[in-house]
Structure formats: C-alpha cells, structure tokens
Protein backbone atom coordinates (compact mmCIF):
# COMPACT_ATOMS: atom_id res chain seq x y z
CA UNK A 1 -7.92 9.01 24.45
CA UNK A 2 -6.00 6.02 23.14
CA UNK A 3 -2.25 5.85 22.97
CA UNK A 4 -0.23 5.65 19.77
CA UNK A 5 0.72 2.07 20.55
CA UNK A 6 -2.92 1.04 20.92
CA UNK A 7 -3.83 2.91 17.76
CA UNK A 8 -1.06 1.20 15.80
CA UNK A 9 -2.02 -2.25 17.04
CA UNK A 10 -5.61 -1.45 16.13
CA UNK A 11 -4.57 -0.51 12.61
CA UNK A 12 -2.66 -3.77 12.34
CA UNK A 13 -5.37 -5.98 13.83
CA UNK A 14 -8.43 -4.44 12.27
CA UNK A 15 -7.72 -5.35 8.60
CA UNK A 16 -6.94 -8.95 9.51
CA UNK A 17 -10.07 -9.11 11.65
CA UNK A 18 -12.17 -7.70 8.82
CA UNK A 19 -10.61 -10.08 6.34
CA UNK A 20 -11.39 -13.04 8.59
CA UNK A 21 -14.87 -11.72 9.16
CA UNK A 22 -15.42 -11.28 5.42
CA UNK A 23 -14.32 -14.80 4.64
CA UNK A 24 -16.53 -16.04 7.48
CA UNK A 25 -19.53 -14.22 6.01
CA UNK A 26 -18.77 -15.44 2.49
CA UNK A 27 -18.37 -19.00 3.71
CA UNK A 28 -21.50 -19.15 5.82
CA UNK A 29 -24.10 -17.12 3.99
CA UNK A 30 -26.02 -18.88 1.22
CA UNK A 31 -25.72 -17.10 -2.10
C-alpha cells in the first residue's frame, strides 16, 4: 500500500515522464 504522498508524487511525475518518453520515441523512431 502506497502513501498519499507517494501517490501524489507519482501523479506529478508520471505525466512528465510519459511526455519525455513520447518525445523520445517520436525523435528516435523512423517514420
């Protein structure tokens, strides 16, 4: 069971991580 603080930080970090990951994928995969 995760704490509220961990959950909140996860909610904050996950979108930015996904956004970075998306731009990484877009940048490095040939279209």
